[in-house]
């Protein structure tokens, strides 16, 4: 069995166990809410708050498991190297505007933006 298959199997099993714990925790929460309401005992509310915290922690563990699984799978894939192109124009704004107008004329681009100054 390959390592990636083992990792996937472990991930699926861990995920299933965490889902089961969350569902059981939710059921226990409902029961404990009833006990705390009826008894109005401080210890019952303390146990209820602990149960709520444990259920929330299990939810966090499920999210962490998903992140770790994603990180493991991303490490196996080669990263794509992107190319960055930096363009630099050295000149005045008038020169830039002239160059852009010339480029529009050469490419037969119709400029539909309203002009602030029609003094060209």
C-alpha atoms as a PDB file:
ATOM      1  CA  UNK A   1       0.000   0.000   0.000  1.00  0.00           C
ATOM      2  CA  UNK A   2       1.405   3.408  -0.985  1.00  0.00           C
ATOM      3  CA  UNK A   3       1.877   6.233   1.497  1.00  0.00           C
ATOM      4  CA  UNK A   4      -0.715   8.386  -0.277  1.00  0.00           C
ATOM      5  CA  UNK A   5      -3.276   5.563   0.035  1.00  0.00           C
ATOM      6  CA  UNK A   6      -2.508   5.201   3.735  1.00  0.00           C
ATOM      7  CA  UNK A   7      -2.799   8.926   4.237  1.00  0.00           C
ATOM      8  CA  UNK A   8      -6.142   8.968   2.473  1.00  0.00           C
ATOM      9  CA  UNK A   9      -7.411   6.002   4.486  1.00  0.00           C
ATOM     10  CA  UNK A  10      -6.240   7.569   7.749  1.00  0.00           C
ATOM     11  CA  UNK A  11      -7.858  10.868   6.792  1.00  0.00           C
ATOM     12  CA  UNK A  12     -11.166   9.195   5.951  1.00  0.00           C
ATOM     13  CA  UNK A  13     -11.124   7.169   9.181  1.00  0.00           C
ATOM     14  CA  UNK A  14     -10.232  10.171  11.347  1.00  0.00           C
ATOM     15  CA  UNK A  15     -12.889  12.238   9.656  1.00  0.00           C
ATOM     16  CA  UNK A  16     -15.492   9.539  10.244  1.00  0.00           C
ATOM     17  CA  UNK A  17     -14.541   9.249  13.940  1.00  0.00           C
ATOM     18  CA  UNK A  18     -14.700  13.027  14.410  1.00  0.00           C
ATOM     19  CA  UNK A  19     -18.121  13.182  12.725  1.00  0.00           C
ATOM     20  CA  UNK A  20     -19.340  10.410  15.023  1.00  0.00           C
ATOM     21  CA  UNK A  21     -18.002  12.206  18.105  1.00  0.00           C
ATOM     22  CA  UNK A  22     -19.653  15.448  17.023  1.00  0.00           C
ATOM     23  CA  UNK A  23     -23.011  13.736  16.513  1.00  0.00           C
ATOM     24  CA  UNK A  24     -22.803  11.981  19.898  1.00  0.00           C
ATOM     25  CA  UNK A  25     -21.752  15.249  21.509  1.00  0.00           C
ATOM     26  CA  UNK A  26     -24.747  17.018  20.015  1.00  0.00           C
ATOM     27  CA  UNK A  27     -27.065  14.349  21.376  1.00  0.00           C
ATOM     28  CA  UNK A  28     -25.445  14.532  24.801  1.00  0.00           C
ATOM     29  CA  UNK A  29     -25.756  18.325  24.704  1.00  0.00           C
ATOM     30  CA  UNK A  30     -29.503  18.098  24.156  1.00  0.00           C
ATOM     31  CA  UNK A  31     -29.851  15.659  27.061  1.00  0.00           C
ATOM     32  CA  UNK A  32     -27.646  17.741  29.339  1.00  0.00           C
ATOM     33  CA  UNK A  33     -29.601  20.907  28.542  1.00  0.00           C
ATOM     34  CA  UNK A  34     -32.743  19.168  29.774  1.00  0.00           C
ATOM     35  CA  UNK A  35     -31.014  17.949  32.941  1.00  0.00           C
ATOM     36  CA  UNK A  36     -29.605  21.403  33.680  1.00  0.00           C
ATOM     37  CA  UNK A  37     -32.986  23.078  33.105  1.00  0.00           C
ATOM     38  CA  UNK A  38     -34.911  20.686  35.308  1.00  0.00           C
ATOM     39  CA  UNK A  39     -32.400  20.418  38.134  1.00  0.00           C
ATOM     40  CA  UNK A  40     -31.216  24.034  38.073  1.00  0.00           C
ATOM     41  CA  UNK A  41     -28.120  22.729  39.818  1.00  0.00           C
ATOM     42  CA  UNK A  42     -24.879  24.701  39.269  1.00  0.00           C
ATOM     43  CA  UNK A  43     -22.886  21.509  38.692  1.00  0.00           C
ATOM     44  CA  UNK A  44     -25.246  20.510  35.868  1.00  0.00           C
ATOM     45  CA  UNK A  45     -24.597  23.838  34.145  1.00  0.00           C
ATOM     46  CA  UNK A  46     -20.869  23.413  34.692  1.00  0.00           C
ATOM     47  CA  UNK A  47     -20.965  19.976  33.055  1.00  0.00           C
ATOM     48  CA  UNK A  48     -23.057  21.429  30.214  1.00  0.00           C
ATOM     49  CA  UNK A  49     -20.522  24.189  29.540  1.00  0.00           C
ATOM     50  CA  UNK A  50     -17.693  21.612  29.548  1.00  0.00           C
ATOM     51  CA  UNK A  51     -19.601  19.456  27.087  1.00  0.00           C
ATOM     52  CA  UNK A  52     -20.187  22.463  24.840  1.00  0.00           C
ATOM     53  CA  UNK A  53     -16.469  23.297  24.905  1.00  0.00           C
ATOM     54  CA  UNK A  54     -15.499  19.709  24.090  1.00  0.00           C
ATOM     55  CA  UNK A  55     -17.905  19.600  21.149  1.00  0.00           C
ATOM     56  CA  UNK A  56     -16.534  22.895  19.841  1.00  0.00           C
ATOM     57  CA  UNK A  57     -12.969  21.568  20.216  1.00  0.00           C
ATOM     58  CA  UNK A  58     -13.853  18.483  18.177  1.00  0.00           C
ATOM     59  CA  UNK A  59     -15.246  20.746  15.454  1.00  0.00           C
ATOM     60  CA  UNK A  60     -11.929  22.626  15.432  1.00  0.00           C
ATOM     61  CA  UNK A  61     -10.055  19.336  15.192  1.00  0.00           C
ATOM     62  CA  UNK A  62     -12.147  18.426  12.147  1.00  0.00           C
ATOM     63  CA  UNK A  63     -11.180  21.694  10.463  1.00  0.00           C
ATOM     64  CA  UNK A  64      -7.521  21.162  11.389  1.00  0.00           C
ATOM     65  CA  UNK A  65      -7.688  17.654   9.952  1.00  0.00           C
ATOM     66  CA  UNK A  66      -8.976  19.027   6.648  1.00  0.00           C
ATOM     67  CA  UNK A  67      -6.227  21.657   6.562  1.00  0.00           C
ATOM     68  CA  UNK A  68      -3.518  19.084   7.305  1.00  0.00           C
ATOM     69  CA  UNK A  69      -4.893  16.761   4.639  1.00  0.00           C
ATOM     70  CA  UNK A  70      -4.843  19.607   2.117  1.00  0.00           C
ATOM     71  CA  UNK A  71      -1.280  20.560   3.109  1.00  0.00           C
ATOM     72  CA  UNK A  72      -0.090  16.974   2.673  1.00  0.00           C
ATOM     73  CA  UNK A  73      -1.676  16.738  -0.771  1.00  0.00           C
ATOM     74  CA  UNK A  74      -0.254  20.097  -1.879  1.00  0.00           C
ATOM     75  CA  UNK A  75       3.275  19.030  -0.867  1.00  0.00           C
ATOM     76  CA  UNK A  76       3.013  16.037  -3.188  1.00  0.00           C
ATOM     77  CA  UNK A  77       2.148  18.212  -6.182  1.00  0.00           C
ATOM     78  CA  UNK A  78       4.879  20.295  -7.819  1.00  0.00           C
ATOM     79  CA  UNK A  79       4.307  24.007  -7.535  1.00  0.00           C
ATOM     80  CA  UNK A  80       3.700  25.900 -10.739  1.00  0.00           C
ATOM     81  CA  UNK A  81       6.216  28.661 -11.216  1.00  0.00           C
ATOM     82  CA  UNK A  82       4.559  31.807 -12.436  1.00  0.00           C
ATOM     83  CA  UNK A  83       6.151  34.456 -14.570  1.00  0.00           C
ATOM     84  CA  UNK A  84       6.040  38.066 -13.518  1.00  0.00           C
ATOM     85  CA  UNK A  85       6.380  40.763 -16.108  1.00  0.00           C
ATOM     86  CA  UNK A  86       7.085  44.265 -14.930  1.00  0.00           C
ATOM     87  CA  UNK A  87       6.597  47.079 -17.387  1.00  0.00           C
ATOM     88  CA  UNK A  88       8.261  50.412 -16.814  1.00  0.00           C
ATOM     89  CA  UNK A  89       7.567  53.616 -18.698  1.00  0.00           C
ATOM     90  CA  UNK A  90      10.052  56.422 -18.413  1.00  0.00           C
ATOM     91  CA  UNK A  91       8.693  59.698 -19.678  1.00  0.00           C
ATOM     92  CA  UNK A  92       6.161  62.405 -19.003  1.00  0.00           C
ATOM     93  CA  UNK A  93       2.419  61.927 -18.780  1.00  0.00           C
ATOM     94  CA  UNK A  94       2.075  63.711 -22.121  1.00  0.00           C
ATOM     95  CA  UNK A  95       4.416  61.192 -23.728  1.00  0.00           C
ATOM     96  CA  UNK A  96       2.427  58.342 -22.164  1.00  0.00           C
ATOM     97  CA  UNK A  97      -0.869  59.756 -23.447  1.00  0.00           C
ATOM     98  CA  UNK A  98       0.564  60.145 -26.953  1.00  0.00           C
ATOM     99  CA  UNK A  99       1.879  56.582 -26.899  1.00  0.00           C
ATOM    100  CA  UNK A 100      -1.499  55.249 -25.758  1.00  0.00           C
ATOM    101  CA  UNK A 101      -3.357  57.245 -28.429  1.00  0.00           C
ATOM    102  CA  UNK A 102      -0.957  55.960 -31.103  1.00  0.00           C
ATOM    103  CA  UNK A 103      -1.431  52.407 -29.842  1.00  0.00           C
ATOM    104  CA  UNK A 104      -5.236  52.821 -30.025  1.00  0.00           C
ATOM    105  CA  UNK A 105      -5.014  54.086 -33.610  1.00  0.00           C
ATOM    106  CA  UNK A 106      -2.736  51.234 -34.676  1.00  0.00           C
ATOM    107  CA  UNK A 107      -4.999  48.610 -33.151  1.00  0.00           C
ATOM    108  CA  UNK A 108      -8.204  50.258 -34.375  1.00  0.00           C
ATOM    109  CA  UNK A 109      -9.508  50.522 -30.831  1.00  0.00           C
ATOM    110  CA  UNK A 110     -12.515  52.735 -30.384  1.00  0.00           C
ATOM    111  CA  UNK A 111     -12.259  54.881 -27.287  1.00  0.00           C
ATOM    112  CA  UNK A 112     -15.703  55.199 -25.697  1.00  0.00           C
ATOM    113  CA  UNK A 113     -14.542  56.916 -22.516  1.00  0.00           C
ATOM    114  CA  UNK A 114     -15.573  60.542 -22.195  1.00  0.00           C
ATOM    115  CA  UNK A 115     -12.736  63.008 -22.573  1.00  0.00           C
ATOM    116  CA  UNK A 116     -12.158  65.673 -20.007  1.00  0.00           C
ATOM    117  CA  UNK A 117     -10.108  67.859 -22.349  1.00  0.00           C
ATOM    118  CA  UNK A 118     -10.776  67.845 -26.104  1.00  0.00           C
ATOM    119  CA  UNK A 119      -7.765  70.092 -26.878  1.00  0.00           C
ATOM    120  CA  UNK A 120      -5.620  67.574 -28.743  1.00  0.00           C
END
